[in-house]
Amino acid sequence: MNYILFDGDVRKSLLPFTYTRPVADIRVGILTIREKWEKYLGFTTSTITEEYLEEKYPMVELDSNILINASFCPTDFLVDKVKNLSENEAIFKGEDVIAFFTTDTQEEVDFDTYKHIEYDEELIQIKNTWDIFIKNGLAIQQDFNLITKDRVSEEIPEGVRFLNKEQIFIEPGAKVLFSTLNASEGPIYIGKDALIMEGTSIRGPFAMGTNSVVKMGAKIYKDTTIGPYSKIGGEVSNSVIFGYSSKGHDGYLGNSVLGEWCNLGADTNNSNLKNNYAEVKLWNYETERFAKTGLQFCGLMMGDHSKCGINTMFNTGTVIGVSVNLFGSGFPRNFVPSFSWGGAAGFTTFQMNKVSEVVTAVFKRRNLEFDNKEQRILDFIFEETKKYRNY
C-alpha cells in the first residue's frame, strides 16, 4: 500500500514552522510525525504539501493510496484501522478526517460518498504551535515505548546518578559524564553519539537526538526534546528544539519551540508567564492579529534559520519568523516578521543575498550544502512574507 501524509487545514496555524516543512516533518516527542508513521506502518511515506515545497518533499501517487492527516500522531490501534481501510472508506475523529483510501482516478474527494468510520480513542493531534510543547511529554513516552521495545540500553556509565533505570535508554555511541538522570516521572532517551557533559541535571520525560550535546551544568526540566545535531546549555523547561539548533550558553528557555538552524546568543532569556498572570496571546498567521491561546505559560516560537545576539530578552508569547537576525538591548516586539534584521530599536529587511551567505556558512559547519532547492524555498518565503515587513 502507498501512504501519503497531507498537511490538512492546520498548516497556517502551525506557521512559522510550516513555512519550511510539511506538517509531517514537525518534531514532537523523540521523532517527527513522519518518522512515527513510517515506524508504525513499516513503509516510507510521501507528502501532499504546498507547491513551493514539493521539490524537496515530492508526492508519490499509485493506483491505490491511503492518505493520512499529518496532524495526528499514530498509535497501534489507529495504525491497525488505517492498514485495514478499503476503497471509499474514511476514518474520522469528530469533524476531522484522519485517513482515507483513494485512487489516482479521483481528482476530488467527496466524503459524502465514503463510509465513515468513527475513531473514539484519545490521540495526540498537533493543531497549534503551542501543542508541540504542551503534548511533548506524552509524545516522548509513546515514542520511547516504540523505539525501545525489545531492545537493551547501553549501560549507564559509572559516576552517573539515576532514578528509575528501566525508563532510561542510551543509544550506542552516546556519552553521559558525571550527571544526574531522574526518570521517576517519565522516560529519558539519549540518542546515538549524543553527549551529556559533566554536572548536568535532567528530569524526564526528556529526549535528545543523534549527535546532540548538553553542555556542562545544564538544568533540563521535564517534557523537553533536543533534536539531532543541537547544542544546549543553561536552563531549559518544556521546550522542543527541532534540530541543528543551538542554545549553547546560560539563560532560560521555557514553554517554547525552536525550528532548525536557530541560534540563541549567550544569556538569552524568554519569559513564559506574564507579570499579571493573564492569558497569553500569540500572533496568528490566519487572522493576521494576536489571538488568545488559553494558556498561562507560553514562551518563544522561533522559525527556521533565525538567530539572536547575546543578552536578548523575549517577552511572553513571542513569535519569530524565518531567517530573522535579532540584536541590541531592550525587548523585541512580540511578533517579528520573517527576514527581519534589527531589534527593539527598529528593523530593516534581511536581504536575500546576506541570508544566503549566512545559511551557506552554517550548512558548511555541518558538512551540508545549501543547494538551489533550499534557496528556492527561502526565496518563496521571502516574497510570501513581504507584506508583514512594514518598516
Protein backbone atom coordinates (compact mmCIF):
# COMPACT_ATOMS: atom_id res chain seq x y z
CA MET A 1 0.00 0.00 0.00
CA ASN A 2 1.08 3.57 -0.70
CA TYR A 3 0.78 6.01 2.20
CA ILE A 4 0.66 9.79 1.71
CA LEU A 5 0.72 12.32 4.55
CA PHE A 6 -1.17 15.55 3.88
CA ASP A 7 -0.99 18.93 5.61
CA GLY A 8 -4.72 19.46 6.11
CA ASP A 9 -6.27 22.68 7.37
CA VAL A 10 -3.85 23.12 10.30
CA ARG A 11 -0.91 24.28 8.21
CA LYS A 12 -1.48 28.02 8.72
CA SER A 13 -1.97 27.62 12.46
CA LEU A 14 1.45 25.91 12.59
CA LEU A 15 3.35 28.75 10.90
CA PRO A 16 6.19 29.79 11.05
CA PHE A 17 7.31 26.15 11.34
CA THR A 18 5.37 25.03 8.27
CA TYR A 19 6.88 27.74 6.09
CA THR A 20 9.89 25.46 5.64
CA ARG A 21 8.43 21.95 6.07
CA PRO A 22 5.22 19.95 5.73
CA VAL A 23 3.20 19.31 8.88
CA ALA A 24 4.52 15.72 8.80
CA ASP A 25 8.07 16.89 9.48
CA ILE A 26 7.31 18.68 12.74
CA ARG A 27 9.14 17.09 15.66
CA VAL A 28 7.14 16.29 18.78
CA GLY A 29 8.39 13.71 21.26
CA ILE A 30 11.52 11.93 20.06
CA LEU A 31 10.55 11.60 16.38
CA THR A 32 8.99 13.74 13.70
CA ILE A 33 5.38 12.90 12.87
CA ARG A 34 6.54 11.33 9.60
CA GLU A 35 9.10 9.16 11.38
CA LYS A 36 6.40 7.94 13.77
CA TRP A 37 4.06 6.91 10.95
CA GLU A 38 6.82 5.18 8.99
CA LYS A 39 7.93 3.17 12.01
CA TYR A 40 4.37 2.08 12.80
CA LEU A 41 3.41 1.36 9.18
CA GLY A 42 6.67 -0.28 8.12
CA PHE A 43 6.60 1.78 4.90
CA THR A 44 8.08 5.04 3.69
CA THR A 45 5.64 7.90 3.06
CA SER A 46 5.39 10.85 0.72
CA THR A 47 3.62 14.17 1.17
CA ILE A 48 0.89 16.47 -0.13
CA THR A 49 2.01 19.96 0.82
CA GLU A 50 2.43 23.47 -0.58
CA GLU A 51 3.60 23.70 -4.19
CA TYR A 52 6.86 25.52 -3.36
CA LEU A 53 7.85 22.68 -1.00
CA GLU A 54 7.11 19.88 -3.47
CA GLU A 55 10.61 19.82 -4.99
CA LYS A 56 12.06 18.91 -1.59
CA TYR A 57 9.05 16.87 -0.42
CA PRO A 58 7.59 15.21 -3.55
CA MET A 59 4.40 13.17 -3.59
CA VAL A 60 4.33 9.59 -4.88
CA GLU A 61 0.87 8.52 -6.07
CA LEU A 62 -0.01 4.96 -7.12
CA ASP A 63 -3.23 3.25 -8.25
CA SER A 64 -4.34 2.82 -4.63
CA ASN A 65 -3.38 5.20 -1.84
CA ILE A 66 -4.17 5.80 1.79
CA LEU A 67 -3.98 9.48 2.68
CA ILE A 68 -3.24 10.35 6.31
CA ASN A 69 -3.80 13.66 8.08
CA ALA A 70 -0.31 14.54 9.31
CA SER A 71 -1.59 16.49 12.31
CA PHE A 72 -2.46 13.18 14.01
CA CYS A 73 0.21 11.05 15.68
CA PRO A 74 -0.15 7.27 15.26
CA THR A 75 -0.92 4.60 17.84
CA ASP A 76 -1.03 0.81 17.44
CA PHE A 77 -4.84 0.83 17.42
CA LEU A 78 -5.10 3.67 14.88
CA VAL A 79 -2.48 2.16 12.56
CA ASP A 80 -4.36 -1.14 12.57
CA LYS A 81 -7.51 0.67 11.42
CA VAL A 82 -5.58 2.62 8.78
CA LYS A 83 -3.98 -0.53 7.35
CA ASN A 84 -7.39 -2.19 7.08
CA LEU A 85 -9.10 0.61 5.18
CA SER A 86 -10.87 -0.37 1.95
CA GLU A 87 -11.62 1.80 -1.04
CA ASN A 88 -14.04 4.65 -0.25
CA GLU A 89 -13.65 4.25 3.50
CA ALA A 90 -12.53 7.09 5.78
CA ILE A 91 -11.64 7.33 9.46
CA PHE A 92 -12.95 10.41 11.26
CA LYS A 93 -12.46 11.87 14.71
CA GLY A 94 -15.35 14.26 15.12
CA GLU A 95 -15.28 16.60 12.14
CA ASP A 96 -11.63 15.84 11.31
CA VAL A 97 -10.69 13.19 8.78
CA ILE A 98 -7.75 11.09 9.99
CA ALA A 99 -7.23 8.83 6.96
CA PHE A 100 -8.99 7.64 3.82
CA PHE A 101 -8.49 5.19 0.97
CA THR A 102 -8.48 6.71 -2.51
CA THR A 103 -7.30 6.03 -6.05
CA ASP A 104 -5.41 8.08 -8.60
CA THR A 105 -8.61 8.42 -10.65
CA GLN A 106 -10.25 10.62 -8.01
CA GLU A 107 -9.50 14.28 -8.68
CA GLU A 108 -11.66 15.48 -5.79
CA VAL A 109 -12.74 13.58 -2.71
CA ASP A 110 -16.40 13.75 -1.70
CA PHE A 111 -16.63 12.30 1.79
CA ASP A 112 -20.41 12.09 1.47
CA THR A 113 -19.79 9.07 -0.77
CA TYR A 114 -17.45 7.44 1.75
CA LYS A 115 -18.21 5.02 4.52
CA HIS A 116 -17.39 6.90 7.74
CA ILE A 117 -15.52 5.04 10.50
CA GLU A 118 -15.60 6.98 13.77
CA TYR A 119 -12.46 6.88 15.93
CA ASP A 120 -13.20 7.39 19.64
CA GLU A 121 -9.82 6.70 21.28
CA GLU A 122 -7.57 9.50 22.52
CA LEU A 123 -4.92 10.74 20.07
CA ILE A 124 -2.20 13.35 20.01
CA GLN A 125 -3.12 15.96 17.41
CA ILE A 126 -0.88 18.94 16.64
CA LYS A 127 -3.23 21.76 15.61
CA ASN A 128 -1.44 24.83 17.01
CA THR A 129 2.19 25.77 17.56
CA TRP A 130 1.81 25.50 21.32
CA ASP A 131 0.54 21.92 21.03
CA ILE A 132 4.13 20.99 20.16
CA PHE A 133 5.40 21.70 23.67
CA ILE A 134 2.16 21.02 25.57
CA LYS A 135 1.86 17.48 24.19
CA ASN A 136 5.57 16.78 24.08
CA GLY A 137 5.78 14.81 27.32
CA LEU A 138 3.10 12.34 26.25
CA ALA A 139 4.69 12.08 22.79
CA ILE A 140 8.10 11.30 24.34
CA GLN A 141 6.56 8.44 26.32
CA GLN A 142 4.83 7.00 23.24
CA ASP A 143 7.97 7.28 21.10
CA PHE A 144 10.12 5.82 23.88
CA ASN A 145 7.89 2.75 24.05
CA LEU A 146 8.01 2.39 20.26
CA ILE A 147 11.76 2.86 19.82
CA THR A 148 12.99 0.83 22.77
CA LYS A 149 10.61 -2.14 22.55
CA ASP A 150 12.56 -5.43 22.75
CA ARG A 151 15.86 -3.53 22.82
CA VAL A 152 18.53 -3.22 25.51
CA SER A 153 20.02 0.11 26.51
CA GLU A 154 23.72 0.76 26.77
CA GLU A 155 24.88 0.63 30.38
CA ILE A 156 24.56 3.80 32.45
CA PRO A 157 28.19 4.91 32.94
CA GLU A 158 29.92 4.87 36.31
CA GLY A 159 29.61 8.18 38.14
CA VAL A 160 26.13 8.97 36.77
CA ARG A 161 23.38 9.20 39.39
CA PHE A 162 19.98 7.97 38.25
CA LEU A 163 16.42 7.15 39.28
CA ASN A 164 14.17 4.57 37.57
CA LYS A 165 16.76 2.86 35.40
CA GLU A 166 14.08 0.98 33.41
CA GLN A 167 12.95 4.29 31.88
CA ILE A 168 16.42 5.39 30.78
CA PHE A 169 17.63 4.36 27.33
CA ILE A 170 21.08 5.19 25.97
CA GLU A 171 21.85 4.52 22.32
CA PRO A 172 25.26 3.22 21.12
CA GLY A 173 27.98 5.83 21.00
CA ALA A 174 26.29 8.19 23.46
CA LYS A 175 28.32 9.52 26.40
CA VAL A 176 26.96 10.65 29.76
CA LEU A 177 29.55 12.14 32.12
CA PHE A 178 29.01 12.60 35.88
CA SER A 179 25.41 13.81 35.60
CA THR A 180 22.02 13.16 37.19
CA LEU A 181 19.24 11.39 35.27
CA ASN A 182 15.85 11.38 37.01
CA ALA A 183 13.33 9.24 35.11
CA SER A 184 10.90 8.88 38.02
CA GLU A 185 8.24 10.99 36.26
CA GLY A 186 8.93 9.98 32.66
CA PRO A 187 11.49 8.38 30.34
CA ILE A 188 14.88 9.72 29.35
CA TYR A 189 16.09 8.89 25.84
CA ILE A 190 19.67 9.68 24.78
CA GLY A 191 20.30 9.34 21.06
CA LYS A 192 23.18 7.79 19.16
CA ASP A 193 26.55 9.58 19.58
CA ALA A 194 24.98 12.24 21.82
CA LEU A 195 26.97 13.83 24.64
CA ILE A 196 25.84 14.93 28.10
CA MET A 197 28.66 16.83 29.77
CA GLU A 198 29.57 16.90 33.46
CA GLY A 199 27.27 18.34 36.10
CA THR A 200 24.07 18.21 34.05
CA SER A 201 20.73 17.57 35.78
CA ILE A 202 17.94 16.08 33.66
CA ARG A 203 14.37 15.28 34.67
CA GLY A 204 12.23 13.16 32.33
CA PRO A 205 10.30 12.99 30.13
CA PHE A 206 13.32 14.08 28.08
CA ALA A 207 14.73 13.21 24.67
CA MET A 208 17.87 14.13 22.79
CA GLY A 209 18.65 13.21 19.21
CA THR A 210 21.64 11.89 17.33
CA ASN A 211 24.89 13.85 17.84
CA SER A 212 23.25 16.44 20.10
CA VAL A 213 25.12 17.93 23.07
CA VAL A 214 24.04 19.08 26.52
CA LYS A 215 26.77 21.30 27.93
CA MET A 216 28.26 21.38 31.42
CA GLY A 217 25.99 22.22 34.32
CA ALA A 218 22.79 22.44 32.27
CA LYS A 219 19.42 22.10 34.03
CA ILE A 220 16.83 20.38 31.88
CA TYR A 221 13.27 20.05 33.15
CA LYS A 222 10.61 17.61 32.01
CA ASP A 223 8.81 17.48 28.67
CA THR A 224 11.85 18.73 26.75
CA THR A 225 13.17 17.49 23.39
CA ILE A 226 16.52 18.37 21.87
CA GLY A 227 16.57 17.34 18.23
CA PRO A 228 19.60 15.94 16.37
CA TYR A 229 22.81 17.95 15.98
CA SER A 230 21.79 20.57 18.56
CA LYS A 231 23.70 22.10 21.47
CA ILE A 232 22.03 23.11 24.72
CA GLY A 233 23.23 24.84 27.87
CA GLY A 234 21.71 26.78 30.76
CA GLU A 235 18.14 26.15 31.89
CA VAL A 236 15.50 24.58 29.61
CA SER A 237 11.96 23.59 30.54
CA ASN A 238 9.13 22.04 28.48
CA SER A 239 10.61 23.06 25.15
CA VAL A 240 11.11 21.43 21.75
CA ILE A 241 14.13 22.09 19.54
CA PHE A 242 13.63 20.52 16.12
CA GLY A 243 17.31 20.00 15.26
CA TYR A 244 20.56 21.64 14.06
CA SER A 245 20.00 24.49 16.52
CA SER A 246 21.96 25.90 19.44
CA LYS A 247 21.23 27.41 22.82
CA GLY A 248 24.74 26.78 23.94
CA HIS A 249 25.05 29.07 26.95
CA ASP A 250 23.39 30.16 30.17
CA GLY A 251 19.92 31.67 30.02
CA TYR A 252 16.37 30.38 30.26
CA LEU A 253 14.18 28.78 27.57
CA GLY A 254 10.73 27.63 28.67
CA ASN A 255 7.44 26.54 27.08
CA SER A 256 8.99 27.23 23.69
CA VAL A 257 9.65 25.76 20.25
CA LEU A 258 12.73 26.39 18.11
CA GLY A 259 12.90 25.29 14.48
CA GLU A 260 16.05 24.13 12.70
CA TRP A 261 19.24 26.16 12.21
CA CYS A 262 18.42 28.58 15.04
CA ASN A 263 20.98 30.08 17.41
CA LEU A 264 20.37 31.85 20.73
CA GLY A 265 23.21 34.08 21.92
CA ALA A 266 24.74 33.80 25.38
CA ASP A 267 22.45 34.74 28.28
CA THR A 268 19.34 34.88 26.10
CA ASN A 269 16.16 34.53 28.18
CA ASN A 270 12.48 34.22 27.41
CA SER A 271 9.51 34.98 29.63
CA ASN A 272 6.87 32.26 29.71
CA LEU A 273 4.47 33.93 32.19
CA LYS A 274 3.01 37.43 32.13
CA ASN A 275 3.52 39.59 35.20
CA ASN A 276 -0.25 39.79 35.74
CA TYR A 277 -0.70 36.02 35.15
CA ALA A 278 -3.06 36.79 32.27
CA GLU A 279 -3.81 34.52 29.33
CA VAL A 280 -1.07 34.61 26.69
CA LYS A 281 -1.82 35.82 23.17
CA LEU A 282 0.24 34.76 20.15
CA TRP A 283 0.49 36.15 16.64
CA ASN A 284 -1.93 34.23 14.42
CA TYR A 285 -0.95 33.95 10.74
CA GLU A 286 -4.51 33.07 9.73
CA THR A 287 -6.19 36.16 11.20
CA GLU A 288 -3.03 38.30 11.00
CA ARG A 289 -3.54 39.54 14.53
CA PHE A 290 -2.81 38.38 18.06
CA ALA A 291 -5.15 35.66 19.31
CA LYS A 292 -5.83 34.04 22.67
CA THR A 293 -4.18 30.70 23.33
CA GLY A 294 -5.98 29.68 26.51
CA LEU A 295 -2.51 29.29 28.09
CA GLN A 296 -0.97 30.91 31.12
CA PHE A 297 2.51 29.64 30.24
CA CYS A 298 3.80 30.21 26.69
CA GLY A 299 7.24 31.38 25.64
CA LEU A 300 9.01 31.68 22.29
CA MET A 301 8.11 30.33 18.84
CA MET A 302 11.11 30.74 16.52
CA GLY A 303 11.11 29.72 12.86
CA ASP A 304 14.00 28.09 10.99
CA HIS A 305 17.28 29.95 10.37
CA SER A 306 16.55 32.67 12.96
CA LYS A 307 19.20 33.91 15.37
CA CYS A 308 19.65 36.37 18.20
CA GLY A 309 22.62 38.12 19.80
CA ILE A 310 23.83 37.92 23.39
CA ASN A 311 21.55 39.06 26.23
CA THR A 312 18.43 39.00 24.07
CA MET A 313 15.22 39.20 26.12
CA PHE A 314 11.98 37.75 24.71
CA ASN A 315 8.57 38.73 26.05
CA THR A 316 5.94 36.14 26.92
CA GLY A 317 4.33 34.76 23.78
CA THR A 318 6.80 35.94 21.13
CA VAL A 319 6.64 34.67 17.53
CA ILE A 320 9.77 35.00 15.39
CA GLY A 321 9.53 34.19 11.68
CA VAL A 322 12.02 32.53 9.33
CA SER A 323 15.58 33.86 8.94
CA VAL A 324 15.39 36.70 11.46
CA ASN A 325 18.54 38.27 12.90
CA LEU A 326 17.89 39.94 16.28
CA PHE A 327 20.34 42.02 18.30
CA GLY A 328 20.58 45.04 20.60
CA SER A 329 19.17 45.97 24.01
CA GLY A 330 15.52 46.00 25.03
CA PHE A 331 12.69 43.60 24.29
CA PRO A 332 11.91 42.93 20.61
CA ARG A 333 8.25 43.13 19.65
CA ASN A 334 6.04 40.06 20.23
CA PHE A 335 5.86 39.35 16.50
CA VAL A 336 8.92 39.70 14.30
CA PRO A 337 8.27 39.03 10.59
CA SER A 338 10.47 36.70 8.58
CA PHE A 339 13.69 38.17 7.12
CA SER A 340 13.89 40.99 9.67
CA TRP A 341 17.21 42.46 10.79
CA GLY A 342 17.42 44.51 14.00
CA GLY A 343 15.75 44.65 17.39
CA ALA A 344 13.86 46.87 19.81
CA ALA A 345 15.38 49.97 18.22
CA GLY A 346 13.91 49.11 14.83
CA PHE A 347 14.17 46.75 11.87
CA THR A 348 15.26 46.63 8.28
CA THR A 349 14.93 43.79 5.78
CA PHE A 350 17.46 40.97 5.97
CA GLN A 351 18.23 40.89 2.26
CA MET A 352 18.38 37.54 0.49
CA ASN A 353 22.00 37.81 -0.64
CA LYS A 354 23.07 38.18 3.01
CA VAL A 355 20.68 35.43 4.12
CA SER A 356 22.22 33.06 1.59
CA GLU A 357 25.74 33.85 2.81
CA VAL A 358 24.79 33.04 6.40
CA VAL A 359 22.90 29.84 5.55
CA THR A 360 25.73 28.61 3.31
CA ALA A 361 28.24 29.14 6.12
CA VAL A 362 26.01 27.45 8.71
CA PHE A 363 25.34 24.42 6.49
CA LYS A 364 29.05 24.11 5.76
CA ARG A 365 29.75 23.78 9.51
CA ARG A 366 27.66 20.59 9.41
CA ASN A 367 29.26 19.38 6.15
CA LEU A 368 25.99 20.06 4.30
CA GLU A 369 25.34 22.01 1.11
CA PHE A 370 22.90 24.89 0.82
CA ASP A 371 21.67 23.98 -2.65
CA ASN A 372 19.36 25.61 -5.19
CA LYS A 373 16.39 23.65 -3.90
CA GLU A 374 16.79 25.14 -0.42
CA GLN A 375 17.42 28.57 -1.95
CA ARG A 376 14.15 28.47 -3.91
CA ILE A 377 12.21 27.66 -0.74
CA LEU A 378 13.69 30.66 1.07
CA ASP A 379 13.12 32.88 -1.99
CA PHE A 380 9.42 31.97 -1.96
CA ILE A 381 9.05 32.59 1.77
CA PHE A 382 10.82 35.94 1.38
CA GLU A 383 8.21 37.09 -1.13
CA GLU A 384 5.31 35.44 0.73
CA THR A 385 6.12 37.29 3.97
CA LYS A 386 6.95 40.67 2.46
CA LYS A 387 3.54 42.06 3.49
CA TYR A 388 4.49 41.80 7.19
CA ARG A 389 7.67 43.86 6.86
CA ASN A 390 6.37 47.41 7.17
CA TYR A 391 9.49 49.20 8.36
